[in-house]
Amino acid sequence: MMNKLIAEQNLQAKIDGLSHNIKPERDLWAGIEHAIEHNSQQHVANDAKPKRVNVAPYAWAASIVVAVLLTWNINGNKEMQIAQLSAVEVLQQQYSQEKNSMLVSFGEPDLSQLPADIQKQFNELQSARTSLETALADDPNNKDLLNLLKWTQKQELNLLEQLFSPKWQTI
């Protein structure tokens, strides 16, 4: 504060020391007034206008990001569901193909003519397979159920093979 006071006193002393004989060639106040009015009008005009931020690039970028994320999320879920559902379907198709080819190779035997105890085992395996397929429809991600389904199908095929495969006679 003290330095400012000293600087102002020095400035005033130098102004007082100037000669008063120097006069401008024309009146400068008109130009100064015009500049002051022009600047104040610009400030008023700038203050009256709200500052507009260009949000268009940000809106485009955000919409692209949202679209990509939604597409990625939806497609990822569909592919996983299709892959897991198809695992159950593939197991069912393989089983039915193997069973049909096995029955054809055995001369298409009538399964209803099996003895009662074997018919009971066969029905239990079919019932277990059906209930596993139903459970897998509700929870296709369950690997334990998939493994049980494979095992049950294999047991059914093994039972059919034991029943109808030709018995080799020993000599």
N, C-alpha and C. Protein backbone atom coordinates (compact mmCIF):
# COMPACT_ATOMS: atom_id res chain seq x y z
N MET A 1 0.82 -1.18 0.00
CA MET A 1 0.00 0.00 0.00
C MET A 1 0.87 1.25 0.00
N MET A 2 1.94 1.17 0.72
CA MET A 2 2.86 2.30 0.82
C MET A 2 3.54 2.56 -0.52
N ASN A 3 3.90 1.47 -1.21
CA ASN A 3 4.55 1.61 -2.52
C ASN A 3 3.61 2.26 -3.53
N LYS A 4 2.35 1.92 -3.45
CA LYS A 4 1.37 2.49 -4.37
C LYS A 4 1.24 3.99 -4.15
N LEU A 5 1.22 4.39 -2.91
CA LEU A 5 1.12 5.81 -2.57
C LEU A 5 2.33 6.58 -3.07
N ILE A 6 3.49 6.01 -2.90
CA ILE A 6 4.73 6.65 -3.37
C ILE A 6 4.73 6.73 -4.89
N ALA A 7 4.27 5.67 -5.57
CA ALA A 7 4.22 5.66 -7.03
C ALA A 7 3.26 6.72 -7.54
N GLU A 8 2.12 6.90 -6.89
CA GLU A 8 1.16 7.91 -7.31
C GLU A 8 1.72 9.32 -7.10
N GLN A 9 2.43 9.50 -6.00
CA GLN A 9 3.03 10.82 -5.73
C GLN A 9 4.09 11.14 -6.77
N ASN A 10 4.89 10.15 -7.14
CA ASN A 10 5.91 10.36 -8.18
C ASN A 10 5.26 10.69 -9.51
N LEU A 11 4.18 9.97 -9.85
CA LEU A 11 3.48 10.22 -11.10
C LEU A 11 2.89 11.62 -11.12
N GLN A 12 2.28 12.04 -10.02
CA GLN A 12 1.70 13.37 -9.94
C GLN A 12 2.78 14.44 -10.05
N ALA A 13 3.93 14.18 -9.45
CA ALA A 13 5.03 15.15 -9.52
C ALA A 13 5.52 15.28 -10.95
N LYS A 14 5.60 14.19 -11.68
CA LYS A 14 6.05 14.25 -13.07
C LYS A 14 5.02 14.94 -13.94
N ILE A 15 3.73 14.69 -13.69
CA ILE A 15 2.68 15.36 -14.45
C ILE A 15 2.73 16.87 -14.20
N ASP A 16 2.93 17.25 -12.95
CA ASP A 16 3.02 18.67 -12.61
C ASP A 16 4.23 19.30 -13.28
N GLY A 17 5.27 18.51 -13.47
CA GLY A 17 6.50 19.03 -14.08
C GLY A 17 6.41 19.18 -15.58
N LEU A 18 5.40 18.65 -16.22
CA LEU A 18 5.25 18.77 -17.66
C LEU A 18 4.81 20.19 -18.02
N SER A 19 5.17 20.53 -19.20
CA SER A 19 4.73 21.86 -19.63
C SER A 19 3.29 21.78 -20.10
N HIS A 20 2.55 22.84 -19.83
CA HIS A 20 1.14 22.87 -20.18
C HIS A 20 0.94 23.44 -21.57
N ASN A 21 2.00 23.67 -22.26
CA ASN A 21 1.93 24.29 -23.57
C ASN A 21 1.58 23.29 -24.67
N ILE A 22 1.79 22.01 -24.45
CA ILE A 22 1.53 21.00 -25.47
C ILE A 22 0.03 20.76 -25.54
N LYS A 23 -0.51 21.00 -26.70
CA LYS A 23 -1.94 20.81 -26.92
C LYS A 23 -2.10 19.85 -28.09
N PRO A 24 -3.12 18.97 -28.05
CA PRO A 24 -3.35 18.09 -29.18
C PRO A 24 -3.85 18.87 -30.37
N GLU A 25 -3.62 18.34 -31.57
CA GLU A 25 -4.01 19.02 -32.78
C GLU A 25 -5.52 18.99 -32.98
N ARG A 26 -6.17 17.98 -32.48
CA ARG A 26 -7.62 17.90 -32.58
C ARG A 26 -8.18 17.46 -31.23
N ASP A 27 -9.50 17.50 -31.11
CA ASP A 27 -10.14 17.13 -29.86
C ASP A 27 -10.19 15.61 -29.76
N LEU A 28 -9.56 15.05 -28.76
CA LEU A 28 -9.48 13.59 -28.59
C LEU A 28 -10.66 13.02 -27.82
N TRP A 29 -11.39 13.86 -27.13
CA TRP A 29 -12.46 13.35 -26.28
C TRP A 29 -13.57 12.68 -27.08
N ALA A 30 -13.81 13.10 -28.26
CA ALA A 30 -14.87 12.48 -29.07
C ALA A 30 -14.53 11.02 -29.36
N GLY A 31 -13.29 10.74 -29.73
CA GLY A 31 -12.85 9.37 -30.01
C GLY A 31 -12.85 8.51 -28.75
N ILE A 32 -12.45 9.15 -27.63
CA ILE A 32 -12.42 8.40 -26.37
C ILE A 32 -13.84 8.04 -25.95
N GLU A 33 -14.77 9.02 -26.06
CA GLU A 33 -16.16 8.74 -25.70
C GLU A 33 -16.74 7.62 -26.57
N HIS A 34 -16.43 7.69 -27.87
CA HIS A 34 -16.94 6.66 -28.79
C HIS A 34 -16.40 5.28 -28.40
N ALA A 35 -15.13 5.17 -28.09
CA ALA A 35 -14.52 3.89 -27.71
C ALA A 35 -15.12 3.37 -26.42
N ILE A 36 -15.34 4.27 -25.46
CA ILE A 36 -15.93 3.85 -24.19
C ILE A 36 -17.35 3.35 -24.39
N GLU A 37 -18.14 4.09 -25.18
CA GLU A 37 -19.52 3.67 -25.43
C GLU A 37 -19.57 2.34 -26.19
N HIS A 38 -18.70 2.19 -27.18
CA HIS A 38 -18.67 0.97 -27.98
C HIS A 38 -18.30 -0.23 -27.09
N ASN A 39 -17.30 -0.08 -26.23
CA ASN A 39 -16.89 -1.17 -25.33
C ASN A 39 -18.00 -1.51 -24.34
N SER A 40 -18.65 -0.49 -23.81
CA SER A 40 -19.71 -0.77 -22.83
C SER A 40 -20.90 -1.43 -23.52
N GLN A 41 -21.19 -1.07 -24.78
CA GLN A 41 -22.28 -1.73 -25.50
C GLN A 41 -21.95 -3.19 -25.78
N GLN A 42 -20.70 -3.46 -26.11
CA GLN A 42 -20.30 -4.85 -26.35
C GLN A 42 -20.41 -5.67 -25.07
N HIS A 43 -19.98 -5.08 -23.94
CA HIS A 43 -20.08 -5.81 -22.67
C HIS A 43 -21.53 -6.08 -22.32
N VAL A 44 -22.41 -5.10 -22.54
CA VAL A 44 -23.83 -5.29 -22.25
C VAL A 44 -24.40 -6.36 -23.18
N ALA A 45 -24.04 -6.34 -24.46
CA ALA A 45 -24.53 -7.33 -25.41
C ALA A 45 -24.01 -8.72 -25.06
N ASN A 46 -22.74 -8.82 -24.68
CA ASN A 46 -22.17 -10.11 -24.31
C ASN A 46 -22.79 -10.65 -23.03
N ASP A 47 -23.07 -9.75 -22.08
CA ASP A 47 -23.68 -10.19 -20.83
C ASP A 47 -25.12 -10.61 -21.04
N ALA A 48 -25.81 -9.99 -22.00
CA ALA A 48 -27.21 -10.31 -22.25
C ALA A 48 -27.35 -11.69 -22.90
N LYS A 49 -26.39 -12.06 -23.75
CA LYS A 49 -26.44 -13.37 -24.41
C LYS A 49 -25.90 -14.43 -23.45
N PRO A 50 -26.65 -15.50 -23.26
CA PRO A 50 -26.09 -16.58 -22.45
C PRO A 50 -25.01 -17.29 -23.27
N LYS A 51 -23.99 -17.71 -22.58
CA LYS A 51 -22.91 -18.41 -23.27
C LYS A 51 -23.43 -19.77 -23.69
N ARG A 52 -23.28 -20.07 -24.98
CA ARG A 52 -23.74 -21.35 -25.51
C ARG A 52 -22.55 -22.27 -25.66
N VAL A 53 -22.69 -23.40 -25.07
CA VAL A 53 -21.66 -24.42 -25.20
C VAL A 53 -22.11 -25.36 -26.30
N ASN A 54 -21.23 -25.67 -27.20
CA ASN A 54 -21.56 -26.57 -28.30
C ASN A 54 -21.53 -28.00 -27.77
N VAL A 55 -22.70 -28.56 -27.54
CA VAL A 55 -22.80 -29.90 -26.97
C VAL A 55 -23.01 -30.98 -28.03
N ALA A 56 -23.13 -30.59 -29.27
CA ALA A 56 -23.40 -31.56 -30.33
C ALA A 56 -22.34 -32.66 -30.40
N PRO A 57 -21.04 -32.33 -30.36
CA PRO A 57 -20.05 -33.42 -30.42
C PRO A 57 -20.16 -34.37 -29.23
N TYR A 58 -20.45 -33.81 -28.05
CA TYR A 58 -20.57 -34.66 -26.87
C TYR A 58 -21.81 -35.55 -26.97
N ALA A 59 -22.88 -35.01 -27.51
CA ALA A 59 -24.11 -35.79 -27.66
C ALA A 59 -23.89 -36.94 -28.65
N TRP A 60 -23.20 -36.67 -29.75
CA TRP A 60 -22.91 -37.72 -30.73
C TRP A 60 -22.06 -38.82 -30.09
N ALA A 61 -21.01 -38.40 -29.40
CA ALA A 61 -20.12 -39.39 -28.78
C ALA A 61 -20.87 -40.23 -27.76
N ALA A 62 -21.69 -39.59 -26.95
CA ALA A 62 -22.43 -40.33 -25.92
C ALA A 62 -23.42 -41.30 -26.56
N SER A 63 -24.10 -40.89 -27.62
CA SER A 63 -25.08 -41.78 -28.25
C SER A 63 -24.39 -42.98 -28.91
N ILE A 64 -23.23 -42.76 -29.48
CA ILE A 64 -22.50 -43.87 -30.09
C ILE A 64 -22.06 -44.86 -29.02
N VAL A 65 -21.55 -44.34 -27.90
CA VAL A 65 -21.10 -45.22 -26.82
C VAL A 65 -22.28 -46.03 -26.28
N VAL A 66 -23.41 -45.39 -26.08
CA VAL A 66 -24.59 -46.10 -25.56
C VAL A 66 -25.04 -47.18 -26.55
N ALA A 67 -25.06 -46.84 -27.84
CA ALA A 67 -25.49 -47.82 -28.85
C ALA A 67 -24.55 -49.02 -28.88
N VAL A 68 -23.26 -48.77 -28.82
CA VAL A 68 -22.28 -49.87 -28.84
C VAL A 68 -22.44 -50.75 -27.61
N LEU A 69 -22.58 -50.12 -26.45
CA LEU A 69 -22.72 -50.91 -25.22
C LEU A 69 -23.99 -51.75 -25.23
N LEU A 70 -25.08 -51.17 -25.67
CA LEU A 70 -26.33 -51.93 -25.72
C LEU A 70 -26.24 -53.09 -26.70
N THR A 71 -25.68 -52.84 -27.86
CA THR A 71 -25.55 -53.89 -28.87
C THR A 71 -24.65 -55.01 -28.36
N TRP A 72 -23.56 -54.63 -27.76
CA TRP A 72 -22.61 -55.62 -27.24
C TRP A 72 -23.26 -56.45 -26.15
N ASN A 73 -23.97 -55.80 -25.24
CA ASN A 73 -24.59 -56.50 -24.13
C ASN A 73 -25.70 -57.44 -24.62
N ILE A 74 -26.55 -56.98 -25.50
CA ILE A 74 -27.66 -57.80 -25.99
C ILE A 74 -27.15 -58.98 -26.79
N ASN A 75 -26.21 -58.72 -27.72
CA ASN A 75 -25.69 -59.81 -28.55
C ASN A 75 -24.91 -60.81 -27.72
N GLY A 76 -24.17 -60.35 -26.72
CA GLY A 76 -23.42 -61.26 -25.87
C GLY A 76 -24.34 -62.21 -25.12
N ASN A 77 -25.45 -61.70 -24.60
CA ASN A 77 -26.40 -62.55 -23.88
C ASN A 77 -27.07 -63.54 -24.81
N LYS A 78 -27.43 -63.13 -26.02
CA LYS A 78 -28.09 -64.03 -26.96
C LYS A 78 -27.16 -65.16 -27.37
N GLU A 79 -25.91 -64.83 -27.65
CA GLU A 79 -24.96 -65.86 -28.08
C GLU A 79 -24.74 -66.88 -26.99
N MET A 80 -24.64 -66.41 -25.73
CA MET A 80 -24.44 -67.36 -24.63
C MET A 80 -25.65 -68.26 -24.48
N GLN A 81 -26.86 -67.71 -24.58
CA GLN A 81 -28.06 -68.52 -24.43
C GLN A 81 -28.17 -69.53 -25.57
N ILE A 82 -27.87 -69.10 -26.78
CA ILE A 82 -27.95 -70.01 -27.93
C ILE A 82 -26.93 -71.13 -27.78
N ALA A 83 -25.71 -70.79 -27.36
CA ALA A 83 -24.67 -71.80 -27.20
C ALA A 83 -25.05 -72.81 -26.13
N GLN A 84 -25.61 -72.34 -25.03
CA GLN A 84 -25.95 -73.25 -23.95
C GLN A 84 -27.19 -74.07 -24.29
N LEU A 85 -28.16 -73.47 -24.92
CA LEU A 85 -29.33 -74.23 -25.33
C LEU A 85 -28.95 -75.25 -26.39
N SER A 86 -28.06 -74.87 -27.26
CA SER A 86 -27.69 -75.80 -28.30
C SER A 86 -26.90 -76.97 -27.74
N ALA A 87 -26.23 -76.81 -26.60
CA ALA A 87 -25.52 -77.94 -25.99
C ALA A 87 -26.52 -79.02 -25.59
N VAL A 88 -27.63 -78.62 -25.00
CA VAL A 88 -28.67 -79.59 -24.63
C VAL A 88 -29.27 -80.21 -25.89
N GLU A 89 -29.55 -79.37 -26.88
CA GLU A 89 -30.14 -79.89 -28.11
C GLU A 89 -29.19 -80.84 -28.82
N VAL A 90 -27.90 -80.51 -28.82
CA VAL A 90 -26.91 -81.38 -29.46
C VAL A 90 -26.87 -82.73 -28.76
N LEU A 91 -26.89 -82.71 -27.42
CA LEU A 91 -26.90 -83.98 -26.69
C LEU A 91 -28.13 -84.81 -27.04
N GLN A 92 -29.27 -84.16 -27.12
CA GLN A 92 -30.51 -84.88 -27.44
C GLN A 92 -30.45 -85.46 -28.86
N GLN A 93 -29.94 -84.68 -29.80
CA GLN A 93 -29.85 -85.16 -31.18
C GLN A 93 -28.88 -86.32 -31.30
N GLN A 94 -27.72 -86.20 -30.64
CA GLN A 94 -26.74 -87.28 -30.71
C GLN A 94 -27.32 -88.57 -30.11
N TYR A 95 -28.00 -88.42 -28.99
CA TYR A 95 -28.60 -89.59 -28.34
C TYR A 95 -29.63 -90.25 -29.25
N SER A 96 -30.53 -89.44 -29.81
CA SER A 96 -31.58 -90.04 -30.65
C SER A 96 -30.98 -90.68 -31.90
N GLN A 97 -29.95 -90.07 -32.47
CA GLN A 97 -29.31 -90.68 -33.65
C GLN A 97 -28.64 -92.00 -33.29
N GLU A 98 -27.91 -92.01 -32.17
CA GLU A 98 -27.24 -93.25 -31.76
C GLU A 98 -28.26 -94.34 -31.44
N LYS A 99 -29.32 -93.97 -30.74
CA LYS A 99 -30.35 -94.95 -30.37
C LYS A 99 -31.03 -95.51 -31.61
N ASN A 100 -31.39 -94.61 -32.54
CA ASN A 100 -32.05 -95.08 -33.76
C ASN A 100 -31.14 -95.97 -34.59
N SER A 101 -29.88 -95.58 -34.74
CA SER A 101 -28.96 -96.42 -35.53
C SER A 101 -28.71 -97.76 -34.84
N MET A 102 -28.67 -97.75 -33.51
CA MET A 102 -28.47 -99.00 -32.77
C MET A 102 -29.69 -99.92 -32.94
N LEU A 103 -30.89 -99.33 -32.84
CA LEU A 103 -32.10 -100.15 -33.00
C LEU A 103 -32.22 -100.69 -34.42
N VAL A 104 -31.84 -99.89 -35.41
CA VAL A 104 -31.88 -100.36 -36.79
C VAL A 104 -30.89 -101.50 -36.98
N SER A 105 -29.70 -101.37 -36.39
CA SER A 105 -28.69 -102.43 -36.56
C SER A 105 -29.12 -103.72 -35.85
N PHE A 106 -29.97 -103.61 -34.82
CA PHE A 106 -30.46 -104.80 -34.13
C PHE A 106 -31.74 -105.34 -34.75
N GLY A 107 -32.16 -104.79 -35.86
CA GLY A 107 -33.35 -105.29 -36.54
C GLY A 107 -34.63 -104.68 -36.00
N GLU A 108 -34.57 -103.49 -35.47
CA GLU A 108 -35.72 -102.76 -34.92
C GLU A 108 -36.55 -103.62 -33.98
N PRO A 109 -35.97 -104.01 -32.84
CA PRO A 109 -36.70 -104.87 -31.90
C PRO A 109 -37.83 -104.11 -31.22
N ASP A 110 -38.80 -104.85 -30.75
CA ASP A 110 -39.94 -104.26 -30.04
C ASP A 110 -39.54 -104.14 -28.57
N LEU A 111 -39.40 -102.89 -28.09
CA LEU A 111 -38.94 -102.66 -26.72
C LEU A 111 -40.01 -103.00 -25.69
N SER A 112 -41.25 -103.09 -26.12
CA SER A 112 -42.32 -103.43 -25.17
C SER A 112 -42.31 -104.92 -24.82
N GLN A 113 -41.57 -105.74 -25.57
CA GLN A 113 -41.50 -107.18 -25.34
C GLN A 113 -40.37 -107.57 -24.39
N LEU A 114 -39.72 -106.58 -23.78
CA LEU A 114 -38.61 -106.86 -22.86
C LEU A 114 -39.15 -107.48 -21.57
N PRO A 115 -38.33 -108.24 -20.86
CA PRO A 115 -38.74 -108.76 -19.55
C PRO A 115 -39.07 -107.60 -18.59
N ALA A 116 -39.90 -107.89 -17.59
CA ALA A 116 -40.43 -106.84 -16.70
C ALA A 116 -39.32 -106.09 -15.96
N ASP A 117 -38.32 -106.81 -15.43
CA ASP A 117 -37.27 -106.13 -14.67
C ASP A 117 -36.42 -105.23 -15.57
N ILE A 118 -36.14 -105.67 -16.78
CA ILE A 118 -35.36 -104.86 -17.72
C ILE A 118 -36.21 -103.70 -18.21
N GLN A 119 -37.49 -103.96 -18.44
CA GLN A 119 -38.40 -102.88 -18.85
C GLN A 119 -38.45 -101.80 -17.77
N LYS A 120 -38.43 -102.22 -16.49
CA LYS A 120 -38.44 -101.27 -15.37
C LYS A 120 -37.18 -100.41 -15.39
N GLN A 121 -36.00 -101.04 -15.57
CA GLN A 121 -34.74 -100.29 -15.64
C GLN A 121 -34.76 -99.29 -16.80
N PHE A 122 -35.23 -99.78 -17.92
CA PHE A 122 -35.28 -98.93 -19.11
C PHE A 122 -36.21 -97.73 -18.89
N ASN A 123 -37.37 -97.97 -18.27
CA ASN A 123 -38.31 -96.88 -17.99
C ASN A 123 -37.73 -95.89 -16.98
N GLU A 124 -37.01 -96.39 -15.96
CA GLU A 124 -36.38 -95.50 -14.98
C GLU A 124 -35.34 -94.60 -15.64
N LEU A 125 -34.55 -95.18 -16.53
CA LEU A 125 -33.54 -94.37 -17.24
C LEU A 125 -34.21 -93.33 -18.13
N GLN A 126 -35.28 -93.73 -18.82
CA GLN A 126 -36.00 -92.77 -19.67
C GLN A 126 -36.62 -91.65 -18.83
N SER A 127 -37.17 -92.01 -17.69
CA SER A 127 -37.77 -91.01 -16.80
C SER A 127 -36.71 -90.05 -16.27
N ALA A 128 -35.56 -90.58 -15.89
CA ALA A 128 -34.46 -89.73 -15.41
C ALA A 128 -33.99 -88.79 -16.52
N ARG A 129 -33.86 -89.32 -17.73
CA ARG A 129 -33.43 -88.49 -18.86
C ARG A 129 -34.43 -87.38 -19.13
N THR A 130 -35.71 -87.70 -19.09
CA THR A 130 -36.76 -86.70 -19.34
C THR A 130 -36.74 -85.61 -18.27
N SER A 131 -36.60 -86.01 -17.00
CA SER A 131 -36.58 -85.00 -15.93
C SER A 131 -35.32 -84.14 -16.01
N LEU A 132 -34.20 -84.72 -16.42
CA LEU A 132 -32.98 -83.92 -16.59
C LEU A 132 -33.14 -82.92 -17.74
N GLU A 133 -33.77 -83.35 -18.82
CA GLU A 133 -34.00 -82.42 -19.94
C GLU A 133 -34.91 -81.28 -19.52
N THR A 134 -35.91 -81.57 -18.69
CA THR A 134 -36.81 -80.53 -18.18
C THR A 134 -36.04 -79.56 -17.28
N ALA A 135 -35.20 -80.11 -16.41
CA ALA A 135 -34.40 -79.25 -15.52
C ALA A 135 -33.42 -78.40 -16.32
N LEU A 136 -32.87 -78.95 -17.38
CA LEU A 136 -31.93 -78.19 -18.22
C LEU A 136 -32.64 -77.09 -19.00
N ALA A 137 -33.90 -77.26 -19.27
CA ALA A 137 -34.65 -76.19 -19.94
C ALA A 137 -34.75 -74.97 -19.02
N ASP A 138 -34.85 -75.22 -17.71
CA ASP A 138 -34.90 -74.12 -16.75
C ASP A 138 -33.52 -73.55 -16.44
N ASP A 139 -32.50 -74.41 -16.41
CA ASP A 139 -31.15 -73.97 -16.06
C ASP A 139 -30.14 -74.56 -17.04
N PRO A 140 -30.02 -73.98 -18.23
CA PRO A 140 -29.13 -74.56 -19.24
C PRO A 140 -27.64 -74.40 -18.91
N ASN A 141 -27.31 -73.61 -17.89
CA ASN A 141 -25.90 -73.39 -17.53
C ASN A 141 -25.35 -74.44 -16.58
N ASN A 142 -26.20 -75.30 -16.07
CA ASN A 142 -25.79 -76.24 -15.04
C ASN A 142 -24.99 -77.39 -15.66
N LYS A 143 -23.69 -77.36 -15.42
CA LYS A 143 -22.81 -78.38 -16.00
C LYS A 143 -23.06 -79.75 -15.39
N ASP A 144 -23.42 -79.77 -14.11
CA ASP A 144 -23.70 -81.06 -13.47
C ASP A 144 -24.89 -81.75 -14.12
N LEU A 145 -25.92 -80.97 -14.42
CA LEU A 145 -27.09 -81.56 -15.10
C LEU A 145 -26.73 -82.06 -16.49
N LEU A 146 -25.88 -81.30 -17.20
CA LEU A 146 -25.44 -81.75 -18.53
C LEU A 146 -24.68 -83.07 -18.43
N ASN A 147 -23.80 -83.16 -17.44
CA ASN A 147 -23.04 -84.40 -17.27
C ASN A 147 -23.96 -85.57 -16.89
N LEU A 148 -24.94 -85.31 -16.03
CA LEU A 148 -25.90 -86.36 -15.67
C LEU A 148 -26.72 -86.80 -16.89
N LEU A 149 -27.10 -85.86 -17.72
CA LEU A 149 -27.85 -86.21 -18.93
C LEU A 149 -27.01 -87.10 -19.84
N LYS A 150 -25.74 -86.73 -20.03
CA LYS A 150 -24.85 -87.57 -20.85
C LYS A 150 -24.75 -88.98 -20.27
N TRP A 151 -24.56 -89.06 -18.95
CA TRP A 151 -24.40 -90.35 -18.30
C TRP A 151 -25.66 -91.19 -18.45
N THR A 152 -26.83 -90.57 -18.24
CA THR A 152 -28.10 -91.29 -18.35
C THR A 152 -28.31 -91.80 -19.77
N GLN A 153 -28.01 -90.96 -20.75
CA GLN A 153 -28.15 -91.40 -22.14
C GLN A 153 -27.22 -92.57 -22.44
N LYS A 154 -26.01 -92.48 -21.92
CA LYS A 154 -25.03 -93.55 -22.15
C LYS A 154 -25.51 -94.86 -21.50
N GLN A 155 -26.08 -94.77 -20.30
CA GLN A 155 -26.59 -95.97 -19.62
C GLN A 155 -27.73 -96.61 -20.42
N GLU A 156 -28.60 -95.78 -20.97
CA GLU A 156 -29.70 -96.31 -21.80
C GLU A 156 -29.15 -97.04 -23.01
N LEU A 157 -28.17 -96.42 -23.67
CA LEU A 157 -27.58 -97.05 -24.85
C LEU A 157 -26.85 -98.33 -24.48
N ASN A 158 -26.15 -98.33 -23.34
CA ASN A 158 -25.46 -99.55 -22.89
C ASN A 158 -26.44 -100.68 -22.60
N LEU A 159 -27.58 -100.33 -21.99
CA LEU A 159 -28.61 -101.34 -21.70
C LEU A 159 -29.15 -101.94 -23.00
N LEU A 160 -29.43 -101.07 -23.98
CA LEU A 160 -29.91 -101.57 -25.27
C LEU A 160 -28.87 -102.47 -25.93
N GLU A 161 -27.62 -102.07 -25.84
CA GLU A 161 -26.56 -102.86 -26.47
C GLU A 161 -26.42 -104.22 -25.79
N GLN A 162 -26.51 -104.24 -24.46
CA GLN A 162 -26.41 -105.52 -23.74
C GLN A 162 -27.57 -106.44 -24.10
N LEU A 163 -28.73 -105.87 -24.28
CA LEU A 163 -29.91 -106.69 -24.57
C LEU A 163 -29.90 -107.28 -25.97
N PHE A 164 -29.51 -106.48 -26.94
CA PHE A 164 -29.72 -106.89 -28.32
C PHE A 164 -28.45 -107.20 -29.11
N SER A 165 -27.29 -107.00 -28.52
CA SER A 165 -26.08 -107.32 -29.29
C SER A 165 -25.96 -108.83 -29.41
N PRO A 166 -25.42 -109.29 -30.54
CA PRO A 166 -25.32 -110.75 -30.72
C PRO A 166 -24.35 -111.34 -29.70
N LYS A 167 -24.77 -112.44 -29.13
CA LYS A 167 -23.93 -113.13 -28.14
C LYS A 167 -23.03 -114.12 -28.89
N TRP A 168 -21.77 -114.00 -28.65
CA TRP A 168 -20.84 -114.93 -29.27
C TRP A 168 -20.79 -116.21 -28.44
N GLN A 169 -20.88 -117.26 -29.12
CA GLN A 169 -20.84 -118.54 -28.41
C GLN A 169 -19.39 -118.94 -28.21
N THR A 170 -19.15 -119.47 -27.06
CA THR A 170 -17.80 -119.96 -26.80
C THR A 170 -17.71 -121.42 -27.22
N ILE A 171 -16.61 -121.80 -27.74
CA ILE A 171 -16.43 -123.17 -28.21
C ILE A 171 -15.67 -123.96 -27.19
